[in-house]
Amino acid sequence: MAHLHEVTDASFEQQVLQAELPTLVDFWAKWCAPCRSMGPILEKLADEQAGKLQVVKLDVQANPDTAARHEVMNLPTLLLFVGGEMRERLGGAMPLARIMQKIGPYL
C-alpha cells in the first residue's frame, strides 16, 4: 500500500485538485463490503501506475463535505481528477481492467 494514500476534507484541495498527476479518488466507508473488495484492486493499480497516476482514498463518514460537494451518493465511487477537474466517474465494484479502460486515456 506504499502508493495508496488517505485524503481528508482538509487535504483534498491540495492533494487532489492541485496534484500534478491525474488522481483517482476512492470514496469509501469501512462498513461497505464492495468498498473493502476494491482495496486490493486499487492497491495494485496504485503500484502499477506509480509515477503516472496517484490513487487516494477518502472515507466518506469521516469526510462528508467532500463527498457531498462531488455528489457521491453510492459507494464505492471512483472519481478521476486531471488538472483539478473531474474527468471520469465510476460507480460500484469493478475489475482492474474496467478501471483502466475508463482512465487509461488520461494517463
PDB file of N, CA and C in Angstrom:
ATOM      1  N   MET A   1       0.821  -1.194   0.000  1.00  0.00           N
ATOM      2  CA  MET A   1       0.000   0.000   0.000  1.00  0.00           C
ATOM      3  C   MET A   1       0.866   1.260   0.000  1.00  0.00           C
ATOM      4  N   ALA A   2       2.072   1.145  -0.465  1.00  0.00           N
ATOM      5  CA  ALA A   2       3.008   2.258  -0.448  1.00  0.00           C
ATOM      6  C   ALA A   2       2.552   3.429  -1.314  1.00  0.00           C
ATOM      7  N   HIS A   3       1.816   3.154  -2.375  1.00  0.00           N
ATOM      8  CA  HIS A   3       1.409   4.215  -3.296  1.00  0.00           C
ATOM      9  C   HIS A   3      -0.042   4.654  -3.115  1.00  0.00           C
ATOM     10  N   LEU A   4      -0.732   4.129  -2.114  1.00  0.00           N
ATOM     11  CA  LEU A   4      -2.138   4.455  -1.877  1.00  0.00           C
ATOM     12  C   LEU A   4      -2.221   5.291  -0.600  1.00  0.00           C
ATOM     13  N   HIS A   5      -2.763   6.506  -0.708  1.00  0.00           N
ATOM     14  CA  HIS A   5      -2.781   7.433   0.424  1.00  0.00           C
ATOM     15  C   HIS A   5      -4.208   7.812   0.793  1.00  0.00           C
ATOM     16  N   GLU A   6      -4.397   8.225   2.043  1.00  0.00           N
ATOM     17  CA  GLU A   6      -5.681   8.734   2.525  1.00  0.00           C
ATOM     18  C   GLU A   6      -5.697  10.250   2.346  1.00  0.00           C
ATOM     19  N   VAL A   7      -6.858  10.791   1.959  1.00  0.00           N
ATOM     20  CA  VAL A   7      -7.061  12.231   1.941  1.00  0.00           C
ATOM     21  C   VAL A   7      -8.272  12.538   2.805  1.00  0.00           C
ATOM     22  N   THR A   8      -8.384  13.804   3.197  1.00  0.00           N
ATOM     23  CA  THR A   8      -9.470  14.255   4.060  1.00  0.00           C
ATOM     24  C   THR A   8     -10.129  15.482   3.438  1.00  0.00           C
ATOM     25  N   ASP A   9     -11.220  15.935   4.058  1.00  0.00           N
ATOM     26  CA  ASP A   9     -11.833  17.185   3.607  1.00  0.00           C
ATOM     27  C   ASP A   9     -10.794  18.302   3.596  1.00  0.00           C
ATOM     28  N   ALA A  10      -9.952  18.342   4.627  1.00  0.00           N
ATOM     29  CA  ALA A  10      -8.962  19.409   4.767  1.00  0.00           C
ATOM     30  C   ALA A  10      -7.840  19.326   3.732  1.00  0.00           C
ATOM     31  N   SER A  11      -7.462  18.110   3.337  1.00  0.00           N
ATOM     32  CA  SER A  11      -6.317  17.969   2.423  1.00  0.00           C
ATOM     33  C   SER A  11      -6.719  17.749   0.962  1.00  0.00           C
ATOM     34  N   PHE A  12      -8.019  17.637   0.682  1.00  0.00           N
ATOM     35  CA  PHE A  12      -8.483  17.281  -0.663  1.00  0.00           C
ATOM     36  C   PHE A  12      -8.015  18.265  -1.730  1.00  0.00           C
ATOM     37  N   GLU A  13      -8.185  19.554  -1.471  1.00  0.00           N
ATOM     38  CA  GLU A  13      -7.805  20.537  -2.491  1.00  0.00           C
ATOM     39  C   GLU A  13      -6.325  20.444  -2.838  1.00  0.00           C
ATOM     40  N   GLN A  14      -5.477  20.408  -1.825  1.00  0.00           N
ATOM     41  CA  GLN A  14      -4.040  20.368  -2.079  1.00  0.00           C
ATOM     42  C   GLN A  14      -3.605  19.039  -2.691  1.00  0.00           C
ATOM     43  N   GLN A  15      -4.069  17.913  -2.141  1.00  0.00           N
ATOM     44  CA  GLN A  15      -3.580  16.611  -2.581  1.00  0.00           C
ATOM     45  C   GLN A  15      -4.252  16.092  -3.840  1.00  0.00           C
ATOM     46  N   VAL A  16      -5.448  16.581  -4.163  1.00  0.00           N
ATOM     47  CA  VAL A  16      -6.171  16.085  -5.339  1.00  0.00           C
ATOM     48  C   VAL A  16      -6.306  17.165  -6.402  1.00  0.00           C
ATOM     49  N   LEU A  17      -6.929  18.277  -6.054  1.00  0.00           N
ATOM     50  CA  LEU A  17      -7.218  19.306  -7.051  1.00  0.00           C
ATOM     51  C   LEU A  17      -5.958  20.017  -7.546  1.00  0.00           C
ATOM     52  N   GLN A  18      -4.940  20.101  -6.708  1.00  0.00           N
ATOM     53  CA  GLN A  18      -3.691  20.743  -7.110  1.00  0.00           C
ATOM     54  C   GLN A  18      -2.598  19.740  -7.477  1.00  0.00           C
ATOM     55  N   ALA A  19      -2.944  18.480  -7.557  1.00  0.00           N
ATOM     56  CA  ALA A  19      -1.949  17.440  -7.848  1.00  0.00           C
ATOM     57  C   ALA A  19      -1.413  17.569  -9.270  1.00  0.00           C
ATOM     58  N   GLU A  20      -0.139  17.267  -9.435  1.00  0.00           N
ATOM     59  CA  GLU A  20       0.477  17.285 -10.762  1.00  0.00           C
ATOM     60  C   GLU A  20       0.044  16.085 -11.591  1.00  0.00           C
ATOM     61  N   LEU A  21      -0.151  14.935 -10.941  1.00  0.00           N
ATOM     62  CA  LEU A  21      -0.556  13.719 -11.645  1.00  0.00           C
ATOM     63  C   LEU A  21      -2.076  13.591 -11.676  1.00  0.00           C
ATOM     64  N   PRO A  22      -2.613  12.908 -12.690  1.00  0.00           N
ATOM     65  CA  PRO A  22      -4.024  12.533 -12.621  1.00  0.00           C
ATOM     66  C   PRO A  22      -4.239  11.773 -11.308  1.00  0.00           C
ATOM     67  N   THR A  23      -5.368  12.034 -10.647  1.00  0.00           N
ATOM     68  CA  THR A  23      -5.621  11.451  -9.332  1.00  0.00           C
ATOM     69  C   THR A  23      -6.970  10.758  -9.309  1.00  0.00           C
ATOM     70  N   LEU A  24      -6.943   9.475  -8.945  1.00  0.00           N
ATOM     71  CA  LEU A  24      -8.155   8.678  -8.797  1.00  0.00           C
ATOM     72  C   LEU A  24      -8.509   8.642  -7.321  1.00  0.00           C
ATOM     73  N   VAL A  25      -9.715   9.116  -6.995  1.00  0.00           N
ATOM     74  CA  VAL A  25     -10.162   9.170  -5.604  1.00  0.00           C
ATOM     75  C   VAL A  25     -11.187   8.068  -5.381  1.00  0.00           C
ATOM     76  N   ASP A  26     -10.922   7.228  -4.393  1.00  0.00           N
ATOM     77  CA  ASP A  26     -11.839   6.165  -3.980  1.00  0.00           C
ATOM     78  C   ASP A  26     -12.647   6.680  -2.802  1.00  0.00           C
ATOM     79  N   PHE A  27     -13.941   6.959  -3.032  1.00  0.00           N
ATOM     80  CA  PHE A  27     -14.852   7.346  -1.964  1.00  0.00           C
ATOM     81  C   PHE A  27     -15.401   6.062  -1.374  1.00  0.00           C
ATOM     82  N   TRP A  28     -15.126   5.816  -0.089  1.00  0.00           N
ATOM     83  CA  TRP A  28     -15.434   4.528   0.530  1.00  0.00           C
ATOM     84  C   TRP A  28     -15.854   4.712   1.986  1.00  0.00           C
ATOM     85  N   ALA A  29     -16.291   3.620   2.594  1.00  0.00           N
ATOM     86  CA  ALA A  29     -16.597   3.583   4.027  1.00  0.00           C
ATOM     87  C   ALA A  29     -16.244   2.193   4.556  1.00  0.00           C
ATOM     88  N   LYS A  30     -15.870   2.130   5.835  1.00  0.00           N
ATOM     89  CA  LYS A  30     -15.469   0.860   6.442  1.00  0.00           C
ATOM     90  C   LYS A  30     -16.575  -0.186   6.416  1.00  0.00           C
ATOM     91  N   TRP A  31     -17.838   0.238   6.533  1.00  0.00           N
ATOM     92  CA  TRP A  31     -18.967  -0.691   6.584  1.00  0.00           C
ATOM     93  C   TRP A  31     -19.374  -1.205   5.209  1.00  0.00           C
ATOM     94  N   CYS A  32     -18.791  -0.686   4.149  1.00  0.00           N
ATOM     95  CA  CYS A  32     -19.180  -1.012   2.771  1.00  0.00           C
ATOM     96  C   CYS A  32     -18.366  -2.209   2.255  1.00  0.00           C
ATOM     97  N   ALA A  33     -19.029  -3.378   2.137  1.00  0.00           N
ATOM     98  CA  ALA A  33     -18.332  -4.585   1.677  1.00  0.00           C
ATOM     99  C   ALA A  33     -17.742  -4.436   0.268  1.00  0.00           C
ATOM    100  N   PRO A  34     -18.481  -3.893  -0.714  1.00  0.00           N
ATOM    101  CA  PRO A  34     -17.875  -3.711  -2.038  1.00  0.00           C
ATOM    102  C   PRO A  34     -16.664  -2.771  -1.994  1.00  0.00           C
ATOM    103  N   CYS A  35     -16.701  -1.790  -1.093  1.00  0.00           N
ATOM    104  CA  CYS A  35     -15.551  -0.885  -0.937  1.00  0.00           C
ATOM    105  C   CYS A  35     -14.319  -1.665  -0.482  1.00  0.00           C
ATOM    106  N   ARG A  36     -14.523  -2.537   0.489  1.00  0.00           N
ATOM    107  CA  ARG A  36     -13.405  -3.337   1.003  1.00  0.00           C
ATOM    108  C   ARG A  36     -12.863  -4.261  -0.084  1.00  0.00           C
ATOM    109  N   SER A  37     -13.734  -4.781  -0.937  1.00  0.00           N
ATOM    110  CA  SER A  37     -13.272  -5.674  -2.005  1.00  0.00           C
ATOM    111  C   SER A  37     -12.449  -4.916  -3.045  1.00  0.00           C
ATOM    112  N   MET A  38     -12.652  -3.617  -3.158  1.00  0.00           N
ATOM    113  CA  MET A  38     -11.890  -2.799  -4.117  1.00  0.00           C
ATOM    114  C   MET A  38     -10.496  -2.472  -3.600  1.00  0.00           C
ATOM    115  N   GLY A  39     -10.262  -2.610  -2.302  1.00  0.00           N
ATOM    116  CA  GLY A  39      -8.973  -2.258  -1.716  1.00  0.00           C
ATOM    117  C   GLY A  39      -7.779  -2.874  -2.426  1.00  0.00           C
ATOM    118  N   PRO A  40      -7.725  -4.212  -2.561  1.00  0.00           N
ATOM    119  CA  PRO A  40      -6.569  -4.830  -3.222  1.00  0.00           C
ATOM    120  C   PRO A  40      -6.443  -4.420  -4.697  1.00  0.00           C
ATOM    121  N   ILE A  41      -7.561  -4.196  -5.365  1.00  0.00           N
ATOM    122  CA  ILE A  41      -7.531  -3.781  -6.776  1.00  0.00           C
ATOM    123  C   ILE A  41      -6.909  -2.390  -6.887  1.00  0.00           C
ATOM    124  N   LEU A  42      -7.302  -1.486  -6.002  1.00  0.00           N
ATOM    125  CA  LEU A  42      -6.764  -0.125  -6.048  1.00  0.00           C
ATOM    126  C   LEU A  42      -5.309  -0.073  -5.609  1.00  0.00           C
ATOM    127  N   GLU A  43      -4.925  -0.942  -4.674  1.00  0.00           N
ATOM    128  CA  GLU A  43      -3.518  -1.025  -4.281  1.00  0.00           C
ATOM    129  C   GLU A  43      -2.671  -1.464  -5.474  1.00  0.00           C
ATOM    130  N   LYS A  44      -3.152  -2.464  -6.208  1.00  0.00           N
ATOM    131  CA  LYS A  44      -2.432  -2.950  -7.382  1.00  0.00           C
ATOM    132  C   LYS A  44      -2.344  -1.853  -8.440  1.00  0.00           C
ATOM    133  N   LEU A  45      -3.448  -1.150  -8.663  1.00  0.00           N
ATOM    134  CA  LEU A  45      -3.459  -0.052  -9.633  1.00  0.00           C
ATOM    135  C   LEU A  45      -2.459   1.027  -9.238  1.00  0.00           C
ATOM    136  N   ALA A  46      -2.451   1.407  -7.970  1.00  0.00           N
ATOM    137  CA  ALA A  46      -1.531   2.440  -7.488  1.00  0.00           C
ATOM    138  C   ALA A  46      -0.081   2.021  -7.692  1.00  0.00           C
ATOM    139  N   ASP A  47       0.223   0.755  -7.424  1.00  0.00           N
ATOM    140  CA  ASP A  47       1.594   0.269  -7.593  1.00  0.00           C
ATOM    141  C   ASP A  47       1.983   0.200  -9.067  1.00  0.00           C
ATOM    142  N   GLU A  48       1.080  -0.317  -9.906  1.00  0.00           N
ATOM    143  CA  GLU A  48       1.385  -0.475 -11.330  1.00  0.00           C
ATOM    144  C   GLU A  48       1.496   0.859 -12.065  1.00  0.00           C
ATOM    145  N   GLN A  49       0.748   1.859 -11.632  1.00  0.00           N
ATOM    146  CA  GLN A  49       0.725   3.148 -12.330  1.00  0.00           C
ATOM    147  C   GLN A  49       1.491   4.246 -11.586  1.00  0.00           C
ATOM    148  N   ALA A  50       2.323   3.853 -10.622  1.00  0.00           N
ATOM    149  CA  ALA A  50       3.102   4.831  -9.860  1.00  0.00           C
ATOM    150  C   ALA A  50       3.911   5.697 -10.821  1.00  0.00           C
ATOM    151  N   GLY A  51       3.861   7.006 -10.599  1.00  0.00           N
ATOM    152  CA  GLY A  51       4.558   7.944 -11.464  1.00  0.00           C
ATOM    153  C   GLY A  51       3.679   8.480 -12.588  1.00  0.00           C
ATOM    154  N   LYS A  52       2.581   7.781 -12.883  1.00  0.00           N
ATOM    155  CA  LYS A  52       1.634   8.229 -13.914  1.00  0.00           C
ATOM    156  C   LYS A  52       0.282   8.609 -13.324  1.00  0.00           C
ATOM    157  N   LEU A  53      -0.049   7.979 -12.183  1.00  0.00           N
ATOM    158  CA  LEU A  53      -1.360   8.148 -11.560  1.00  0.00           C
ATOM    159  C   LEU A  53      -1.193   8.121 -10.050  1.00  0.00           C
ATOM    160  N   GLN A  54      -1.902   9.013  -9.387  1.00  0.00           N
ATOM    161  CA  GLN A  54      -1.969   8.992  -7.928  1.00  0.00           C
ATOM    162  C   GLN A  54      -3.333   8.392  -7.555  1.00  0.00           C
ATOM    163  N   VAL A  55      -3.348   7.454  -6.623  1.00  0.00           N
ATOM    164  CA  VAL A  55      -4.591   6.856  -6.157  1.00  0.00           C
ATOM    165  C   VAL A  55      -4.719   7.172  -4.669  1.00  0.00           C
ATOM    166  N   VAL A  56      -5.874   7.749  -4.296  1.00  0.00           N
ATOM    167  CA  VAL A  56      -6.109   8.121  -2.905  1.00  0.00           C
ATOM    168  C   VAL A  56      -7.479   7.619  -2.461  1.00  0.00           C
ATOM    169  N   LYS A  57      -7.645   7.492  -1.147  1.00  0.00           N
ATOM    170  CA  LYS A  57      -8.906   7.038  -0.551  1.00  0.00           C
ATOM    171  C   LYS A  57      -9.452   8.144   0.329  1.00  0.00           C
ATOM    172  N   LEU A  58     -10.791   8.316   0.293  1.00  0.00           N
ATOM    173  CA  LEU A  58     -11.452   9.280   1.150  1.00  0.00           C
ATOM    174  C   LEU A  58     -12.601   8.575   1.860  1.00  0.00           C
ATOM    175  N   ASP A  59     -12.512   8.490   3.174  1.00  0.00           N
ATOM    176  CA  ASP A  59     -13.555   7.868   3.996  1.00  0.00           C
ATOM    177  C   ASP A  59     -14.724   8.857   4.095  1.00  0.00           C
ATOM    178  N   VAL A  60     -15.865   8.498   3.495  1.00  0.00           N
ATOM    179  CA  VAL A  60     -16.997   9.432   3.420  1.00  0.00           C
ATOM    180  C   VAL A  60     -17.627   9.709   4.784  1.00  0.00           C
ATOM    181  N   GLN A  61     -17.530   8.770   5.719  1.00  0.00           N
ATOM    182  CA  GLN A  61     -18.095   9.020   7.049  1.00  0.00           C
ATOM    183  C   GLN A  61     -17.275  10.047   7.806  1.00  0.00           C
ATOM    184  N   ALA A  62     -15.967   9.988   7.675  1.00  0.00           N
ATOM    185  CA  ALA A  62     -15.090  10.929   8.358  1.00  0.00           C
ATOM    186  C   ALA A  62     -14.968  12.253   7.604  1.00  0.00           C
ATOM    187  N   ASN A  63     -15.304  12.247   6.302  1.00  0.00           N
ATOM    188  CA  ASN A  63     -15.118  13.425   5.443  1.00  0.00           C
ATOM    189  C   ASN A  63     -16.355  13.665   4.573  1.00  0.00           C
ATOM    190  N   PRO A  64     -17.489  13.986   5.196  1.00  0.00           N
ATOM    191  CA  PRO A  64     -18.735  14.106   4.434  1.00  0.00           C
ATOM    192  C   PRO A  64     -18.797  15.311   3.502  1.00  0.00           C
ATOM    193  N   ASP A  65     -18.061  16.369   3.795  1.00  0.00           N
ATOM    194  CA  ASP A  65     -18.158  17.589   2.984  1.00  0.00           C
ATOM    195  C   ASP A  65     -17.692  17.363   1.552  1.00  0.00           C
ATOM    196  N   THR A  66     -16.553  16.710   1.388  1.00  0.00           N
ATOM    197  CA  THR A  66     -16.027  16.464   0.041  1.00  0.00           C
ATOM    198  C   THR A  66     -16.933  15.518  -0.729  1.00  0.00           C
ATOM    199  N   ALA A  67     -17.434  14.489  -0.067  1.00  0.00           N
ATOM    200  CA  ALA A  67     -18.356  13.553  -0.723  1.00  0.00           C
ATOM    201  C   ALA A  67     -19.615  14.281  -1.182  1.00  0.00           C
ATOM    202  N   ALA A  68     -20.164  15.145  -0.346  1.00  0.00           N
ATOM    203  CA  ALA A  68     -21.370  15.893  -0.714  1.00  0.00           C
ATOM    204  C   ALA A  68     -21.089  16.861  -1.859  1.00  0.00           C
ATOM    205  N   ARG A  69     -19.954  17.540  -1.807  1.00  0.00           N
ATOM    206  CA  ARG A  69     -19.597  18.517  -2.844  1.00  0.00           C
ATOM    207  C   ARG A  69     -19.493  17.857  -4.218  1.00  0.00           C
ATOM    208  N   HIS A  70     -19.078  16.589  -4.243  1.00  0.00           N
ATOM    209  CA  HIS A  70     -18.917  15.876  -5.515  1.00  0.00           C
ATOM    210  C   HIS A  70     -20.076  14.915  -5.794  1.00  0.00           C
ATOM    211  N   GLU A  71     -21.175  15.106  -5.034  1.00  0.00           N
ATOM    212  CA  GLU A  71     -22.414  14.369  -5.237  1.00  0.00           C
ATOM    213  C   GLU A  71     -22.220  12.851  -5.253  1.00  0.00           C
ATOM    214  N   VAL A  72     -21.430  12.379  -4.305  1.00  0.00           N
ATOM    215  CA  VAL A  72     -21.214  10.943  -4.158  1.00  0.00           C
ATOM    216  C   VAL A  72     -22.386  10.385  -3.361  1.00  0.00           C
ATOM    217  N   MET A  73     -23.218   9.597  -4.028  1.00  0.00           N
ATOM    218  CA  MET A  73     -24.424   9.050  -3.406  1.00  0.00           C
ATOM    219  C   MET A  73     -24.314   7.554  -3.131  1.00  0.00           C
ATOM    220  N   ASN A  74     -23.460   6.858  -3.883  1.00  0.00           N
ATOM    221  CA  ASN A  74     -23.312   5.408  -3.744  1.00  0.00           C
ATOM    222  C   ASN A  74     -21.845   5.078  -3.510  1.00  0.00           C
ATOM    223  N   LEU A  75     -21.622   3.951  -2.841  1.00  0.00           N
ATOM    224  CA  LEU A  75     -20.256   3.513  -2.561  1.00  0.00           C
ATOM    225  C   LEU A  75     -20.046   2.119  -3.133  1.00  0.00           C
ATOM    226  N   PRO A  76     -18.851   1.819  -3.588  1.00  0.00           N
ATOM    227  CA  PRO A  76     -17.767   2.767  -3.803  1.00  0.00           C
ATOM    228  C   PRO A  76     -18.008   3.619  -5.046  1.00  0.00           C
ATOM    229  N   THR A  77     -17.464   4.816  -5.025  1.00  0.00           N
ATOM    230  CA  THR A  77     -17.438   5.692  -6.196  1.00  0.00           C
ATOM    231  C   THR A  77     -15.995   6.089  -6.421  1.00  0.00           C
ATOM    232  N   LEU A  78     -15.548   5.999  -7.668  1.00  0.00           N
ATOM    233  CA  LEU A  78     -14.210   6.427  -8.050  1.00  0.00           C
ATOM    234  C   LEU A  78     -14.351   7.657  -8.935  1.00  0.00           C
ATOM    235  N   LEU A  79     -13.634   8.716  -8.587  1.00  0.00           N
ATOM    236  CA  LEU A  79     -13.620   9.919  -9.403  1.00  0.00           C
ATOM    237  C   LEU A  79     -12.191  10.182  -9.848  1.00  0.00           C
ATOM    238  N   LEU A  80     -12.008  10.443 -11.139  1.00  0.00           N
ATOM    239  CA  LEU A  80     -10.694  10.780 -11.673  1.00  0.00           C
ATOM    240  C   LEU A  80     -10.614  12.284 -11.890  1.00  0.00           C
ATOM    241  N   PHE A  81      -9.607  12.891 -11.284  1.00  0.00           N
ATOM    242  CA  PHE A  81      -9.353  14.322 -11.447  1.00  0.00           C
ATOM    243  C   PHE A  81      -8.072  14.511 -12.244  1.00  0.00           C
ATOM    244  N   VAL A  82      -8.143  15.390 -13.237  1.00  0.00           N
ATOM    245  CA  VAL A  82      -6.980  15.737 -14.048  1.00  0.00           C
ATOM    246  C   VAL A  82      -6.926  17.264 -14.090  1.00  0.00           C
ATOM    247  N   GLY A  83      -5.814  17.831 -13.643  1.00  0.00           N
ATOM    248  CA  GLY A  83      -5.688  19.283 -13.626  1.00  0.00           C
ATOM    249  C   GLY A  83      -6.758  19.962 -12.807  1.00  0.00           C
ATOM    250  N   GLY A  84      -7.189  19.330 -11.729  1.00  0.00           N
ATOM    251  CA  GLY A  84      -8.180  19.912 -10.838  1.00  0.00           C
ATOM    252  C   GLY A  84      -9.621  19.738 -11.278  1.00  0.00           C
ATOM    253  N   GLU A  85      -9.837  19.101 -12.430  1.00  0.00           N
ATOM    254  CA  GLU A  85     -11.201  18.898 -12.926  1.00  0.00           C
ATOM    255  C   GLU A  85     -11.563  17.424 -12.930  1.00  0.00           C
ATOM    256  N   MET A  86     -12.815  17.127 -12.538  1.00  0.00           N
ATOM    257  CA  MET A  86     -13.275  15.751 -12.573  1.00  0.00           C
ATOM    258  C   MET A  86     -13.512  15.342 -14.021  1.00  0.00           C
ATOM    259  N   ARG A  87     -12.893  14.219 -14.420  1.00  0.00           N
ATOM    260  CA  ARG A  87     -12.995  13.756 -15.801  1.00  0.00           C
ATOM    261  C   ARG A  87     -13.779  12.465 -15.958  1.00  0.00           C
ATOM    262  N   GLU A  88     -13.753  11.588 -14.943  1.00  0.00           N
ATOM    263  CA  GLU A  88     -14.463  10.303 -15.013  1.00  0.00           C
ATOM    264  C   GLU A  88     -15.090   9.993 -13.665  1.00  0.00           C
ATOM    265  N   ARG A  89     -16.267   9.353 -13.710  1.00  0.00           N
ATOM    266  CA  ARG A  89     -16.963   8.875 -12.509  1.00  0.00           C
ATOM    267  C   ARG A  89     -17.294   7.411 -12.742  1.00  0.00           C
ATOM    268  N   LEU A  90     -16.819   6.557 -11.840  1.00  0.00           N
ATOM    269  CA  LEU A  90     -17.094   5.130 -11.928  1.00  0.00           C
ATOM    270  C   LEU A  90     -17.780   4.700 -10.644  1.00  0.00           C
ATOM    271  N   GLY A  91     -18.871   3.962 -10.766  1.00  0.00           N
ATOM    272  CA  GLY A  91     -19.622   3.547  -9.595  1.00  0.00           C
ATOM    273  C   GLY A  91     -19.635   2.043  -9.426  1.00  0.00           C
ATOM    274  N   GLY A  92     -19.533   1.607  -8.179  1.00  0.00           N
ATOM    275  CA  GLY A  92     -19.598   0.188  -7.865  1.00  0.00           C
ATOM    276  C   GLY A  92     -18.258  -0.507  -7.971  1.00  0.00           C
ATOM    277  N   ALA A  93     -18.237  -1.725  -7.453  1.00  0.00           N
ATOM    278  CA  ALA A  93     -17.019  -2.539  -7.516  1.00  0.00           C
ATOM    279  C   ALA A  93     -16.822  -3.008  -8.958  1.00  0.00           C
ATOM    280  N   MET A  94     -15.571  -3.026  -9.397  1.00  0.00           N
ATOM    281  CA  MET A  94     -15.282  -3.446 -10.764  1.00  0.00           C
ATOM    282  C   MET A  94     -13.849  -3.943 -10.849  1.00  0.00           C
ATOM    283  N   PRO A  95     -13.543  -4.731 -11.877  1.00  0.00           N
ATOM    284  CA  PRO A  95     -12.181  -5.250 -12.027  1.00  0.00           C
ATOM    285  C   PRO A  95     -11.211  -4.160 -12.509  1.00  0.00           C
ATOM    286  N   LEU A  96      -9.946  -4.433 -12.300  1.00  0.00           N
ATOM    287  CA  LEU A  96      -8.887  -3.512 -12.686  1.00  0.00           C
ATOM    288  C   LEU A  96      -8.956  -3.158 -14.171  1.00  0.00           C
ATOM    289  N   ALA A  97      -9.229  -4.137 -15.022  1.00  0.00           N
ATOM    290  CA  ALA A  97      -9.276  -3.894 -16.470  1.00  0.00           C
ATOM    291  C   ALA A  97     -10.334  -2.852 -16.820  1.00  0.00           C
ATOM    292  N   ARG A  98     -11.475  -2.893 -16.148  1.00  0.00           N
ATOM    293  CA  ARG A  98     -12.548  -1.926 -16.418  1.00  0.00           C
ATOM    294  C   ARG A  98     -12.134  -0.522 -15.981  1.00  0.00           C
ATOM    295  N   ILE A  99     -11.471  -0.430 -14.842  1.00  0.00           N
ATOM    296  CA  ILE A  99     -10.987   0.874 -14.371  1.00  0.00           C
ATOM    297  C   ILE A  99      -9.999   1.442 -15.377  1.00  0.00           C
ATOM    298  N   MET A 100      -9.047   0.626 -15.811  1.00  0.00           N
ATOM    299  CA  MET A 100      -8.034   1.093 -16.768  1.00  0.00           C
ATOM    300  C   MET A 100      -8.652   1.502 -18.096  1.00  0.00           C
ATOM    301  N   GLN A 101      -9.704   0.802 -18.508  1.00  0.00           N
ATOM    302  CA  GLN A 101     -10.397   1.133 -19.757  1.00  0.00           C
ATOM    303  C   GLN A 101     -10.934   2.572 -19.691  1.00  0.00           C
ATOM    304  N   LYS A 102     -11.439   2.966 -18.531  1.00  0.00           N
ATOM    305  CA  LYS A 102     -12.015   4.300 -18.374  1.00  0.00           C
ATOM    306  C   LYS A 102     -10.981   5.388 -18.140  1.00  0.00           C
ATOM    307  N   ILE A 103      -9.928   5.072 -17.358  1.00  0.00           N
ATOM    308  CA  ILE A 103      -8.981   6.134 -17.001  1.00  0.00           C
ATOM    309  C   ILE A 103      -7.726   6.145 -17.871  1.00  0.00           C
ATOM    310  N   GLY A 104      -7.472   5.055 -18.578  1.00  0.00           N
ATOM    311  CA  GLY A 104      -6.275   4.942 -19.407  1.00  0.00           C
ATOM    312  C   GLY A 104      -6.017   6.114 -20.335  1.00  0.00           C
ATOM    313  N   PRO A 105      -7.044   6.640 -21.019  1.00  0.00           N
ATOM    314  CA  PRO A 105      -6.815   7.755 -21.933  1.00  0.00           C
ATOM    315  C   PRO A 105      -6.245   9.012 -21.258  1.00  0.00           C
ATOM    316  N   TYR A 106      -6.398   9.133 -19.955  1.00  0.00           N
ATOM    317  CA  TYR A 106      -5.939  10.323 -19.240  1.00  0.00           C
ATOM    318  C   TYR A 106      -4.512  10.185 -18.697  1.00  0.00           C
ATOM    319  N   LEU A 107      -3.941   8.987 -18.822  1.00  0.00           N
ATOM    320  CA  LEU A 107      -2.611   8.758 -18.246  1.00  0.00           C
ATOM    321  C   LEU A 107      -1.514   9.012 -19.250  1.00  0.00           C
TER     322      LEU A 107
END
